[in-house]
């Protein structure tokens, strides 16, 4: 009968179940997004933006060449290159 009394007492005490939840919550990191943000900023400092820009332009050119399959599309690409070449010093 003592075990029944103690278990019924635990059920009646408000907030007793919430204590276990708080203990678990305290174990968690308070600002996980801030940690992720600082990691992101650290990684972004390591990027060579000039090399990335060159790589993007190169891939873009390759994709355009692959997608231009008709003589008309290839002619338009040639016109665009000529025009872009005139604009560059």
N, C-alpha and C. Protein backbone atom coordinates (compact mmCIF):
# COMPACT_ATOMS: atom_id res chain seq x y z
N UNK A 1 0.82 -1.20 0.00
CA UNK A 1 0.00 0.00 0.00
C UNK A 1 0.86 1.24 0.00
N UNK A 2 2.10 1.15 0.51
CA UNK A 2 3.00 2.30 0.53
C UNK A 2 3.39 2.67 -0.90
N UNK A 3 3.65 1.67 -1.75
CA UNK A 3 4.03 1.93 -3.14
C UNK A 3 2.89 2.61 -3.87
N UNK A 4 1.67 2.23 -3.58
CA UNK A 4 0.52 2.85 -4.22
C UNK A 4 0.41 4.31 -3.81
N UNK A 5 0.66 4.58 -2.53
CA UNK A 5 0.56 5.95 -2.04
C UNK A 5 1.62 6.83 -2.70
N UNK A 6 2.87 6.34 -2.82
CA UNK A 6 3.92 7.16 -3.39
C UNK A 6 3.69 7.40 -4.88
N UNK A 7 3.19 6.39 -5.60
CA UNK A 7 2.95 6.59 -7.03
C UNK A 7 1.77 7.52 -7.25
N UNK A 8 0.77 7.45 -6.39
CA UNK A 8 -0.37 8.36 -6.54
C UNK A 8 0.04 9.78 -6.16
N UNK A 9 0.99 9.91 -5.22
CA UNK A 9 1.48 11.24 -4.85
C UNK A 9 2.23 11.86 -6.02
N UNK A 10 3.03 11.08 -6.74
CA UNK A 10 3.77 11.59 -7.88
C UNK A 10 2.82 12.06 -8.98
N UNK A 11 1.73 11.37 -9.14
CA UNK A 11 0.77 11.75 -10.17
C UNK A 11 0.09 13.07 -9.82
N UNK A 12 -0.09 13.35 -8.54
CA UNK A 12 -0.82 14.55 -8.13
C UNK A 12 0.06 15.79 -8.07
N UNK A 13 1.37 15.62 -7.96
CA UNK A 13 2.26 16.78 -7.83
C UNK A 13 2.41 17.42 -9.21
N UNK A 14 1.92 18.65 -9.31
CA UNK A 14 2.01 19.30 -10.62
C UNK A 14 3.45 19.68 -10.95
N UNK A 15 3.83 19.52 -12.22
CA UNK A 15 5.15 19.92 -12.67
C UNK A 15 6.23 18.88 -12.47
N UNK A 16 5.93 17.76 -11.85
CA UNK A 16 6.95 16.75 -11.59
C UNK A 16 7.46 16.15 -12.89
N UNK A 17 6.57 15.89 -13.82
CA UNK A 17 6.97 15.35 -15.11
C UNK A 17 7.75 16.38 -15.93
N UNK A 18 7.45 17.64 -15.72
CA UNK A 18 8.13 18.69 -16.47
C UNK A 18 9.59 18.85 -16.04
N UNK A 19 9.93 18.46 -14.83
CA UNK A 19 11.32 18.57 -14.38
C UNK A 19 12.24 17.72 -15.24
N UNK A 20 11.80 16.54 -15.57
CA UNK A 20 12.62 15.66 -16.40
C UNK A 20 12.81 16.30 -17.77
N UNK A 21 11.79 16.91 -18.31
CA UNK A 21 11.89 17.58 -19.60
C UNK A 21 12.85 18.75 -19.56
N UNK A 22 12.84 19.51 -18.47
CA UNK A 22 13.76 20.65 -18.32
C UNK A 22 15.20 20.19 -18.25
N UNK A 23 15.43 19.09 -17.53
CA UNK A 23 16.78 18.56 -17.45
C UNK A 23 17.29 18.20 -18.83
N UNK A 24 16.45 17.58 -19.64
CA UNK A 24 16.84 17.23 -21.00
C UNK A 24 17.07 18.49 -21.82
N UNK A 25 16.25 19.49 -21.64
CA UNK A 25 16.37 20.74 -22.39
C UNK A 25 17.67 21.45 -22.05
N UNK A 26 18.08 21.41 -20.79
CA UNK A 26 19.32 22.06 -20.37
C UNK A 26 20.53 21.39 -20.99
N UNK A 27 20.42 20.10 -21.31
CA UNK A 27 21.52 19.39 -21.94
C UNK A 27 21.71 19.83 -23.38
N UNK A 28 20.66 20.34 -24.00
CA UNK A 28 20.73 20.76 -25.40
C UNK A 28 21.52 22.06 -25.52
N UNK A 29 22.03 22.28 -26.71
CA UNK A 29 22.76 23.51 -27.00
C UNK A 29 21.76 24.67 -27.06
N UNK A 30 22.11 25.79 -26.43
CA UNK A 30 21.18 26.91 -26.36
C UNK A 30 20.97 27.58 -27.72
N UNK A 31 22.03 27.79 -28.48
CA UNK A 31 21.93 28.51 -29.75
C UNK A 31 22.57 27.70 -30.88
N UNK A 32 21.93 26.62 -31.30
CA UNK A 32 22.55 25.78 -32.34
C UNK A 32 22.69 26.51 -33.67
N UNK A 33 21.77 27.40 -33.98
CA UNK A 33 21.86 28.13 -35.25
C UNK A 33 23.04 29.09 -35.26
N UNK A 34 23.38 29.65 -34.13
CA UNK A 34 24.52 30.55 -34.05
C UNK A 34 25.82 29.77 -34.31
N UNK A 35 25.90 28.58 -33.77
CA UNK A 35 27.07 27.73 -34.02
C UNK A 35 27.17 27.40 -35.50
N UNK A 36 26.06 27.05 -36.12
CA UNK A 36 26.06 26.73 -37.54
C UNK A 36 26.43 27.95 -38.38
N UNK A 37 25.97 29.11 -37.98
CA UNK A 37 26.29 30.34 -38.71
C UNK A 37 27.78 30.64 -38.67
N UNK A 38 28.38 30.48 -37.49
CA UNK A 38 29.82 30.74 -37.40
C UNK A 38 30.62 29.72 -38.21
N UNK A 39 30.16 28.49 -38.27
CA UNK A 39 30.82 27.49 -39.10
C UNK A 39 30.70 27.87 -40.57
N UNK A 40 29.52 28.33 -40.97
CA UNK A 40 29.31 28.75 -42.35
C UNK A 40 30.23 29.91 -42.71
N UNK A 41 30.34 30.89 -41.83
CA UNK A 41 31.20 32.04 -42.10
C UNK A 41 32.66 31.61 -42.22
N UNK A 42 33.08 30.68 -41.40
CA UNK A 42 34.44 30.18 -41.46
C UNK A 42 34.70 29.49 -42.80
N UNK A 43 33.75 28.70 -43.26
CA UNK A 43 33.92 28.01 -44.54
C UNK A 43 33.90 28.99 -45.71
N UNK A 44 33.07 30.03 -45.62
CA UNK A 44 32.99 31.00 -46.70
C UNK A 44 34.28 31.78 -46.86
N UNK A 45 35.02 31.95 -45.76
CA UNK A 45 36.31 32.65 -45.84
C UNK A 45 37.33 31.84 -46.64
N UNK A 46 37.12 30.54 -46.72
CA UNK A 46 38.07 29.67 -47.41
C UNK A 46 37.82 29.60 -48.92
N UNK A 47 36.70 30.13 -49.39
CA UNK A 47 36.35 30.05 -50.80
C UNK A 47 37.13 31.09 -51.59
N UNK A 48 37.67 30.66 -52.72
CA UNK A 48 38.29 31.59 -53.65
C UNK A 48 37.19 32.04 -54.61
N UNK A 49 36.68 33.24 -54.41
CA UNK A 49 35.53 33.71 -55.17
C UNK A 49 35.87 33.91 -56.64
N UNK A 50 37.11 34.27 -56.96
CA UNK A 50 37.51 34.43 -58.36
C UNK A 50 37.49 33.09 -59.07
N UNK A 51 38.04 32.06 -58.42
CA UNK A 51 38.04 30.72 -59.02
C UNK A 51 36.61 30.20 -59.17
N UNK A 52 35.78 30.47 -58.20
CA UNK A 52 34.38 30.03 -58.27
C UNK A 52 33.68 30.71 -59.45
N UNK A 53 33.89 32.00 -59.63
CA UNK A 53 33.28 32.73 -60.74
C UNK A 53 33.76 32.17 -62.08
N UNK A 54 35.04 31.89 -62.19
CA UNK A 54 35.60 31.32 -63.41
C UNK A 54 34.99 29.95 -63.70
N UNK A 55 34.86 29.13 -62.68
CA UNK A 55 34.28 27.79 -62.84
C UNK A 55 32.82 27.87 -63.26
N UNK A 56 32.06 28.78 -62.69
CA UNK A 56 30.65 28.94 -63.04
C UNK A 56 30.52 29.35 -64.50
N UNK A 57 31.33 30.32 -64.94
CA UNK A 57 31.28 30.76 -66.34
C UNK A 57 31.66 29.65 -67.29
N UNK A 58 32.65 28.85 -66.91
CA UNK A 58 33.08 27.74 -67.74
C UNK A 58 31.95 26.70 -67.89
N UNK A 59 31.34 26.33 -66.78
CA UNK A 59 30.24 25.37 -66.83
C UNK A 59 29.04 25.91 -67.61
N UNK A 60 28.77 27.19 -67.44
CA UNK A 60 27.67 27.82 -68.17
C UNK A 60 27.92 27.73 -69.68
N UNK A 61 29.16 28.01 -70.09
CA UNK A 61 29.51 27.91 -71.51
C UNK A 61 29.35 26.50 -72.04
N UNK A 62 29.80 25.53 -71.27
CA UNK A 62 29.66 24.12 -71.68
C UNK A 62 28.20 23.72 -71.83
N UNK A 63 27.37 24.14 -70.88
CA UNK A 63 25.94 23.81 -70.94
C UNK A 63 25.28 24.45 -72.15
N UNK A 64 25.61 25.68 -72.41
CA UNK A 64 25.02 26.38 -73.56
C UNK A 64 25.41 25.68 -74.86
N UNK A 65 26.67 25.29 -74.96
CA UNK A 65 27.14 24.58 -76.16
C UNK A 65 26.38 23.27 -76.35
N UNK A 66 26.16 22.55 -75.25
CA UNK A 66 25.45 21.27 -75.34
C UNK A 66 23.98 21.46 -75.71
N UNK A 67 23.38 22.55 -75.23
CA UNK A 67 21.95 22.77 -75.49
C UNK A 67 21.68 23.36 -76.86
N UNK A 68 22.66 24.02 -77.45
CA UNK A 68 22.48 24.61 -78.78
C UNK A 68 22.71 23.51 -79.81
N UNK A 69 21.64 22.89 -80.24
CA UNK A 69 21.77 21.76 -81.16
C UNK A 69 21.39 22.13 -82.59
N UNK A 70 20.57 23.12 -82.78
CA UNK A 70 20.15 23.49 -84.14
C UNK A 70 21.11 24.51 -84.73
N UNK A 71 21.18 24.57 -86.05
CA UNK A 71 22.04 25.58 -86.69
C UNK A 71 21.64 27.02 -86.31
N UNK A 72 20.35 27.25 -86.14
CA UNK A 72 19.88 28.59 -85.75
C UNK A 72 20.38 28.95 -84.35
N UNK A 73 20.31 28.02 -83.39
CA UNK A 73 20.77 28.28 -82.03
C UNK A 73 22.28 28.50 -82.01
N UNK A 74 23.02 27.72 -82.80
CA UNK A 74 24.47 27.89 -82.87
C UNK A 74 24.83 29.24 -83.48
N UNK A 75 24.06 29.67 -84.48
CA UNK A 75 24.29 30.98 -85.08
C UNK A 75 24.05 32.10 -84.09
N UNK A 76 23.00 31.98 -83.29
CA UNK A 76 22.71 32.99 -82.26
C UNK A 76 23.82 33.06 -81.21
N UNK A 77 24.35 31.91 -80.86
CA UNK A 77 25.47 31.89 -79.90
C UNK A 77 26.70 32.59 -80.48
N UNK A 78 26.95 32.36 -81.76
CA UNK A 78 28.09 33.01 -82.40
C UNK A 78 27.90 34.52 -82.43
N UNK A 79 26.68 34.97 -82.72
CA UNK A 79 26.38 36.41 -82.69
C UNK A 79 26.59 36.99 -81.29
N UNK A 80 26.15 36.26 -80.29
CA UNK A 80 26.30 36.73 -78.91
C UNK A 80 27.78 36.86 -78.54
N UNK A 81 28.58 35.88 -78.95
CA UNK A 81 30.02 35.93 -78.66
C UNK A 81 30.68 37.13 -79.35
N UNK A 82 30.28 37.35 -80.60
CA UNK A 82 30.84 38.52 -81.32
C UNK A 82 30.47 39.80 -80.62
N UNK A 83 29.21 39.92 -80.21
CA UNK A 83 28.74 41.12 -79.55
C UNK A 83 29.48 41.32 -78.21
N UNK A 84 29.61 40.24 -77.44
CA UNK A 84 30.30 40.32 -76.14
C UNK A 84 31.77 40.67 -76.34
N UNK A 85 32.38 40.17 -77.40
CA UNK A 85 33.78 40.49 -77.70
C UNK A 85 33.97 41.96 -78.04
N UNK A 86 32.98 42.58 -78.67
CA UNK A 86 33.06 44.00 -79.00
C UNK A 86 32.97 44.86 -77.75
N UNK A 87 32.26 44.37 -76.74
CA UNK A 87 32.08 45.16 -75.52
C UNK A 87 33.31 45.10 -74.62
N UNK A 88 34.07 44.01 -74.72
CA UNK A 88 35.25 43.88 -73.85
C UNK A 88 36.41 44.71 -74.41
N UNK A 89 37.21 45.31 -73.53
CA UNK A 89 38.34 46.13 -74.02
C UNK A 89 39.46 45.28 -74.61
